[in-house]
Structure formats: C-alpha cells, structure tokens
N, C-alpha and C. Protein backbone atom coordinates (compact mmCIF):
# COMPACT_ATOMS: atom_id res chain seq x y z
N MET A 1 -115.72 -124.63 -29.45
CA MET A 1 -114.58 -124.96 -28.60
C MET A 1 -115.10 -125.43 -27.24
N PRO A 2 -114.74 -126.59 -26.85
CA PRO A 2 -115.22 -127.10 -25.56
C PRO A 2 -114.58 -126.34 -24.39
N PHE A 3 -115.35 -126.22 -23.33
CA PHE A 3 -114.87 -125.56 -22.13
C PHE A 3 -113.92 -126.49 -21.40
N THR A 4 -112.72 -126.01 -21.14
CA THR A 4 -111.78 -126.80 -20.34
C THR A 4 -111.20 -125.91 -19.27
N LEU A 5 -110.70 -126.53 -18.24
CA LEU A 5 -110.09 -125.77 -17.16
C LEU A 5 -108.81 -125.09 -17.62
N THR A 6 -108.13 -125.68 -18.60
CA THR A 6 -106.92 -125.06 -19.14
C THR A 6 -107.25 -123.75 -19.83
N ILE A 7 -108.32 -123.73 -20.61
CA ILE A 7 -108.75 -122.51 -21.29
C ILE A 7 -109.18 -121.47 -20.25
N LEU A 8 -109.92 -121.90 -19.24
CA LEU A 8 -110.34 -120.99 -18.17
C LEU A 8 -109.13 -120.36 -17.51
N LEU A 9 -108.12 -121.15 -17.19
CA LEU A 9 -106.89 -120.65 -16.58
C LEU A 9 -106.20 -119.65 -17.51
N GLU A 10 -106.03 -120.01 -18.77
CA GLU A 10 -105.34 -119.15 -19.73
C GLU A 10 -106.05 -117.81 -19.91
N GLU A 11 -107.36 -117.85 -20.08
CA GLU A 11 -108.12 -116.61 -20.30
C GLU A 11 -108.13 -115.73 -19.06
N SER A 12 -108.24 -116.33 -17.89
CA SER A 12 -108.25 -115.56 -16.65
C SER A 12 -106.90 -114.89 -16.41
N VAL A 13 -105.83 -115.63 -16.64
CA VAL A 13 -104.48 -115.06 -16.49
C VAL A 13 -104.30 -113.94 -17.50
N GLN A 14 -104.77 -114.12 -18.74
CA GLN A 14 -104.60 -113.10 -19.77
C GLN A 14 -105.32 -111.81 -19.42
N ILE A 15 -106.53 -111.91 -18.89
CA ILE A 15 -107.28 -110.72 -18.48
C ILE A 15 -106.51 -109.97 -17.40
N ALA A 16 -106.05 -110.69 -16.38
CA ALA A 16 -105.29 -110.07 -15.29
C ALA A 16 -103.98 -109.48 -15.83
N TRP A 17 -103.29 -110.23 -16.67
CA TRP A 17 -102.01 -109.79 -17.23
C TRP A 17 -102.19 -108.50 -18.03
N ASP A 18 -103.21 -108.46 -18.91
CA ASP A 18 -103.45 -107.28 -19.75
C ASP A 18 -103.66 -106.04 -18.88
N TYR A 19 -104.45 -106.19 -17.84
CA TYR A 19 -104.69 -105.05 -16.95
C TYR A 19 -103.40 -104.59 -16.28
N LEU A 20 -102.66 -105.52 -15.72
CA LEU A 20 -101.43 -105.16 -15.00
C LEU A 20 -100.39 -104.55 -15.93
N VAL A 21 -100.33 -104.99 -17.17
CA VAL A 21 -99.42 -104.38 -18.15
C VAL A 21 -99.87 -102.96 -18.47
N ARG A 22 -101.15 -102.77 -18.70
CA ARG A 22 -101.69 -101.45 -19.05
C ARG A 22 -101.48 -100.44 -17.93
N THR A 23 -101.49 -100.90 -16.71
CA THR A 23 -101.32 -99.97 -15.58
C THR A 23 -99.86 -99.86 -15.15
N GLY A 24 -98.97 -100.59 -15.81
CA GLY A 24 -97.55 -100.50 -15.51
C GLY A 24 -97.15 -101.11 -14.17
N GLU A 25 -97.90 -102.08 -13.70
CA GLU A 25 -97.63 -102.66 -12.39
C GLU A 25 -96.70 -103.88 -12.42
N ILE A 26 -96.33 -104.35 -13.60
CA ILE A 26 -95.48 -105.53 -13.68
C ILE A 26 -94.02 -105.11 -13.78
N ASP A 27 -93.25 -105.45 -12.75
CA ASP A 27 -91.82 -105.16 -12.74
C ASP A 27 -91.04 -106.35 -13.29
N ASP A 28 -91.39 -107.54 -12.86
CA ASP A 28 -90.71 -108.77 -13.28
C ASP A 28 -91.75 -109.67 -13.95
N PRO A 29 -91.76 -109.71 -15.30
CA PRO A 29 -92.78 -110.49 -16.00
C PRO A 29 -92.82 -111.97 -15.61
N SER A 30 -91.67 -112.58 -15.42
CA SER A 30 -91.63 -113.99 -15.06
C SER A 30 -92.29 -114.24 -13.71
N GLU A 31 -91.95 -113.42 -12.74
CA GLU A 31 -92.52 -113.54 -11.39
C GLU A 31 -94.02 -113.25 -11.40
N ALA A 32 -94.42 -112.23 -12.14
CA ALA A 32 -95.84 -111.87 -12.21
C ALA A 32 -96.65 -112.99 -12.86
N GLY A 33 -96.15 -113.55 -13.95
CA GLY A 33 -96.86 -114.64 -14.62
C GLY A 33 -97.02 -115.85 -13.73
N LYS A 34 -95.96 -116.19 -13.02
CA LYS A 34 -96.01 -117.33 -12.11
C LYS A 34 -97.01 -117.07 -10.98
N PHE A 35 -96.98 -115.87 -10.42
CA PHE A 35 -97.86 -115.50 -9.31
C PHE A 35 -99.33 -115.59 -9.77
N LEU A 36 -99.66 -114.96 -10.89
CA LEU A 36 -101.04 -114.95 -11.38
C LEU A 36 -101.53 -116.38 -11.67
N THR A 37 -100.68 -117.17 -12.30
CA THR A 37 -101.05 -118.55 -12.62
C THR A 37 -101.31 -119.36 -11.35
N GLU A 38 -100.45 -119.22 -10.35
CA GLU A 38 -100.63 -119.98 -9.11
C GLU A 38 -101.89 -119.57 -8.37
N VAL A 39 -102.16 -118.27 -8.32
CA VAL A 39 -103.35 -117.78 -7.61
C VAL A 39 -104.62 -118.27 -8.31
N ILE A 40 -104.66 -118.12 -9.62
CA ILE A 40 -105.86 -118.53 -10.36
C ILE A 40 -106.03 -120.04 -10.34
N GLU A 41 -104.95 -120.77 -10.48
CA GLU A 41 -105.04 -122.24 -10.42
C GLU A 41 -105.59 -122.71 -9.07
N ALA A 42 -105.16 -122.08 -7.99
CA ALA A 42 -105.66 -122.44 -6.65
C ALA A 42 -107.16 -122.19 -6.54
N MET A 43 -107.63 -121.07 -7.09
CA MET A 43 -109.06 -120.76 -7.03
C MET A 43 -109.87 -121.74 -7.90
N ILE A 44 -109.32 -122.13 -9.05
CA ILE A 44 -110.01 -123.11 -9.91
C ILE A 44 -110.13 -124.44 -9.17
N ARG A 45 -109.07 -124.84 -8.47
CA ARG A 45 -109.11 -126.10 -7.69
C ARG A 45 -110.16 -126.05 -6.58
N GLN A 46 -110.45 -124.82 -6.10
CA GLN A 46 -111.47 -124.67 -5.06
C GLN A 46 -112.88 -124.58 -5.65
N GLY A 47 -112.97 -124.59 -6.99
CA GLY A 47 -114.29 -124.63 -7.62
C GLY A 47 -114.75 -123.37 -8.31
N THR A 48 -113.98 -122.32 -8.28
CA THR A 48 -114.37 -121.07 -8.94
C THR A 48 -114.24 -121.27 -10.45
N ARG A 49 -115.29 -120.88 -11.20
CA ARG A 49 -115.28 -121.07 -12.65
C ARG A 49 -115.54 -119.77 -13.42
N SER A 50 -115.75 -118.67 -12.77
CA SER A 50 -115.96 -117.39 -13.45
C SER A 50 -114.61 -116.74 -13.74
N ARG A 51 -114.30 -116.59 -15.02
CA ARG A 51 -112.99 -116.03 -15.37
C ARG A 51 -112.85 -114.58 -14.91
N LEU A 52 -113.96 -113.83 -14.87
CA LEU A 52 -113.89 -112.45 -14.40
C LEU A 52 -113.61 -112.40 -12.90
N LEU A 53 -114.24 -113.29 -12.15
CA LEU A 53 -113.97 -113.36 -10.72
C LEU A 53 -112.53 -113.81 -10.48
N LEU A 54 -112.09 -114.80 -11.23
CA LEU A 54 -110.71 -115.29 -11.09
C LEU A 54 -109.71 -114.19 -11.38
N SER A 55 -109.90 -113.46 -12.48
CA SER A 55 -108.95 -112.42 -12.85
C SER A 55 -108.98 -111.26 -11.85
N ASN A 56 -110.16 -110.86 -11.41
CA ASN A 56 -110.25 -109.77 -10.42
C ASN A 56 -109.53 -110.13 -9.13
N ARG A 57 -109.76 -111.34 -8.64
CA ARG A 57 -109.11 -111.75 -7.39
C ARG A 57 -107.61 -111.90 -7.55
N ALA A 58 -107.16 -112.34 -8.72
CA ALA A 58 -105.72 -112.46 -8.97
C ALA A 58 -105.07 -111.08 -9.01
N ILE A 59 -105.74 -110.12 -9.62
CA ILE A 59 -105.22 -108.75 -9.67
C ILE A 59 -105.12 -108.18 -8.27
N THR A 60 -106.17 -108.37 -7.49
CA THR A 60 -106.17 -107.87 -6.11
C THR A 60 -105.06 -108.54 -5.30
N ALA A 61 -104.89 -109.84 -5.48
CA ALA A 61 -103.83 -110.56 -4.76
C ALA A 61 -102.45 -110.03 -5.17
N TYR A 62 -102.25 -109.78 -6.45
CA TYR A 62 -100.97 -109.27 -6.94
C TYR A 62 -100.71 -107.88 -6.38
N GLN A 63 -101.72 -107.03 -6.42
CA GLN A 63 -101.56 -105.68 -5.89
C GLN A 63 -101.30 -105.71 -4.38
N THR A 64 -101.99 -106.58 -3.68
CA THR A 64 -101.80 -106.70 -2.23
C THR A 64 -100.39 -107.17 -1.92
N GLU A 65 -99.88 -108.12 -2.71
CA GLU A 65 -98.53 -108.64 -2.52
C GLU A 65 -97.48 -107.55 -2.71
N ARG A 66 -97.75 -106.64 -3.62
CA ARG A 66 -96.80 -105.57 -3.94
C ARG A 66 -97.03 -104.30 -3.12
N ARG A 67 -98.09 -104.27 -2.34
CA ARG A 67 -98.47 -103.07 -1.59
C ARG A 67 -97.33 -102.64 -0.66
N PRO A 68 -97.05 -101.35 -0.65
CA PRO A 68 -96.03 -100.87 0.27
C PRO A 68 -96.40 -101.21 1.72
N GLU A 69 -95.42 -101.63 2.48
CA GLU A 69 -95.64 -102.05 3.85
C GLU A 69 -96.23 -100.91 4.68
N GLY A 70 -97.23 -101.24 5.49
CA GLY A 70 -97.84 -100.25 6.37
C GLY A 70 -98.95 -99.44 5.72
N THR A 71 -99.36 -99.77 4.50
CA THR A 71 -100.45 -99.05 3.85
C THR A 71 -101.59 -100.01 3.55
N ASN A 72 -102.77 -99.46 3.36
CA ASN A 72 -103.93 -100.27 3.04
C ASN A 72 -104.29 -100.23 1.57
N CYS A 73 -103.59 -99.39 0.81
CA CYS A 73 -103.93 -99.25 -0.61
C CYS A 73 -102.76 -98.64 -1.36
N PHE A 74 -102.98 -98.37 -2.62
CA PHE A 74 -101.96 -97.74 -3.45
C PHE A 74 -102.27 -96.25 -3.64
N GLU A 75 -103.12 -95.69 -2.82
CA GLU A 75 -103.58 -94.32 -3.00
C GLU A 75 -102.41 -93.35 -3.15
N ASN A 76 -101.40 -93.49 -2.33
CA ASN A 76 -100.28 -92.56 -2.37
C ASN A 76 -99.43 -92.71 -3.62
N SER A 77 -99.52 -93.83 -4.29
CA SER A 77 -98.73 -94.04 -5.50
C SER A 77 -99.54 -93.76 -6.76
N GLY A 78 -100.79 -93.31 -6.61
CA GLY A 78 -101.61 -92.97 -7.76
C GLY A 78 -102.26 -94.15 -8.46
N MET A 79 -102.23 -95.33 -7.85
CA MET A 79 -102.83 -96.51 -8.47
C MET A 79 -104.31 -96.61 -8.10
N ALA A 80 -105.03 -97.36 -8.88
CA ALA A 80 -106.46 -97.53 -8.65
C ALA A 80 -106.76 -99.02 -8.63
N THR A 81 -107.97 -99.36 -8.22
CA THR A 81 -108.41 -100.74 -8.19
C THR A 81 -109.18 -101.03 -9.46
N LEU A 82 -108.98 -102.21 -10.03
CA LEU A 82 -109.67 -102.61 -11.24
C LEU A 82 -110.88 -103.45 -10.90
N VAL A 83 -111.95 -103.20 -11.61
CA VAL A 83 -113.11 -104.06 -11.53
C VAL A 83 -113.46 -104.43 -12.96
N VAL A 84 -113.45 -105.72 -13.28
CA VAL A 84 -113.84 -106.17 -14.61
C VAL A 84 -115.35 -106.31 -14.60
N ILE A 85 -116.02 -105.62 -15.54
CA ILE A 85 -117.47 -105.58 -15.49
C ILE A 85 -118.14 -106.39 -16.59
N GLY A 86 -117.40 -107.03 -17.46
CA GLY A 86 -118.02 -107.88 -18.46
C GLY A 86 -117.06 -108.23 -19.57
N ALA A 87 -117.50 -109.11 -20.45
CA ALA A 87 -116.68 -109.48 -21.60
C ALA A 87 -117.42 -109.06 -22.86
N ARG A 88 -116.68 -108.69 -23.87
CA ARG A 88 -117.27 -108.25 -25.13
C ARG A 88 -117.81 -109.45 -25.89
N SER A 89 -118.94 -109.26 -26.51
CA SER A 89 -119.50 -110.29 -27.36
C SER A 89 -118.89 -110.14 -28.75
N THR A 90 -118.62 -111.24 -29.42
CA THR A 90 -117.99 -111.20 -30.75
C THR A 90 -119.01 -111.39 -31.86
N GLY A 91 -120.23 -111.09 -31.62
CA GLY A 91 -121.25 -111.24 -32.67
C GLY A 91 -122.61 -111.39 -32.05
N SER A 92 -123.57 -111.80 -32.86
CA SER A 92 -124.93 -111.94 -32.35
C SER A 92 -125.08 -113.19 -31.50
N SER A 93 -124.18 -114.12 -31.65
CA SER A 93 -124.24 -115.34 -30.86
C SER A 93 -123.64 -115.10 -29.48
N SER A 94 -124.30 -115.56 -28.45
CA SER A 94 -123.77 -115.40 -27.10
C SER A 94 -122.69 -116.42 -26.80
N LYS A 95 -122.50 -117.39 -27.72
CA LYS A 95 -121.48 -118.41 -27.50
C LYS A 95 -120.08 -117.85 -27.69
N GLY A 96 -119.91 -116.93 -28.64
CA GLY A 96 -118.59 -116.38 -28.91
C GLY A 96 -118.27 -115.21 -27.99
N ARG A 97 -117.28 -115.37 -27.16
CA ARG A 97 -116.88 -114.30 -26.24
C ARG A 97 -115.44 -113.92 -26.53
N ASP A 98 -115.21 -112.64 -26.56
CA ASP A 98 -113.86 -112.12 -26.72
C ASP A 98 -113.23 -112.11 -25.34
N PRO A 99 -112.03 -112.67 -25.17
CA PRO A 99 -111.44 -112.73 -23.83
C PRO A 99 -111.06 -111.36 -23.27
N ARG A 100 -111.04 -110.34 -24.11
CA ARG A 100 -110.77 -109.01 -23.58
C ARG A 100 -111.98 -108.53 -22.78
N ALA A 101 -111.75 -107.90 -21.68
CA ALA A 101 -112.85 -107.50 -20.81
C ALA A 101 -112.94 -105.99 -20.73
N PHE A 102 -114.11 -105.51 -20.35
CA PHE A 102 -114.27 -104.09 -20.07
C PHE A 102 -113.65 -103.84 -18.71
N PHE A 103 -112.90 -102.80 -18.60
CA PHE A 103 -112.27 -102.48 -17.32
C PHE A 103 -112.88 -101.21 -16.76
N GLN A 104 -113.12 -101.20 -15.49
CA GLN A 104 -113.60 -100.02 -14.80
C GLN A 104 -112.64 -99.78 -13.64
N PHE A 105 -112.16 -98.56 -13.53
CA PHE A 105 -111.22 -98.23 -12.48
C PHE A 105 -111.94 -97.51 -11.35
N ARG A 106 -111.60 -97.87 -10.16
CA ARG A 106 -112.17 -97.20 -8.98
C ARG A 106 -111.04 -96.71 -8.12
N ALA A 107 -111.08 -95.45 -7.80
CA ALA A 107 -110.03 -94.89 -6.92
C ALA A 107 -110.23 -95.45 -5.52
N CYS A 108 -109.14 -95.67 -4.87
CA CYS A 108 -109.19 -96.18 -3.51
C CYS A 108 -109.69 -95.08 -2.58
N GLY A 109 -110.61 -95.41 -1.71
CA GLY A 109 -111.18 -94.41 -0.81
C GLY A 109 -110.63 -94.47 0.60
N CYS A 110 -109.63 -95.31 0.84
CA CYS A 110 -109.10 -95.42 2.21
C CYS A 110 -108.04 -94.37 2.47
N SER A 111 -107.75 -94.18 3.70
CA SER A 111 -106.67 -93.25 4.06
C SER A 111 -105.52 -94.06 4.63
N ALA A 112 -104.46 -94.10 3.87
CA ALA A 112 -103.30 -94.90 4.28
C ALA A 112 -102.42 -94.14 5.25
C-alpha cells in the first residue's frame, strides 16, 4: 500500500479517536471528529509525517480545548495524559504496521 497523506490523516485520527473513546472524553462525536481532523490536517500541511506525533498532539489539543477554565490539567476530574509509545507490528515484516498503538497513561503532576 503506497504511503499517502490521506492514509496518514485517517490513521492518525483513528489513533486519537480510539484513545478518546476508551477514556470517555468524547461528548459530541461529530464535533470531536471534526476537531481532530482539522488539527491533524493542519500539522500535516506544516510537514509533520509521524502519525504517533500527530495523534498525540491532536489528543493534547482536544483535551486542552475541553479543559475546565482556570485549570492547568484534568487532575481534579481523574483524567490522565496519553502518550503513544509505538505501533504493533503485524508480522516479521517491518512493512506491515497495525494502526492500533500502545498507549501509556501518565498522571498529571501539576497542581491546578
């Protein structure tokens, strides 16, 4: 499968979407999908090509947009920050990558 920017966009949005669904952070699916797509598309236009970087930054942007006013984090609401640390290999070939990523959660250390 040839690498295209459309595939990069789709996979990056899917990684971010899967995480946000698993953590219960999506209230309005239509709005969330549009937000993630716009953020990731803007970063692709600026030259970013790492889907893990794109998805991590989109998640952070989404969480920041939803952050309660006057706080620096979601600590009081029990939320954590996601860090995507890699993608699963689908076999012995390094060419085949599963778009699902390993997720690592880090508790926020700030005091809001």
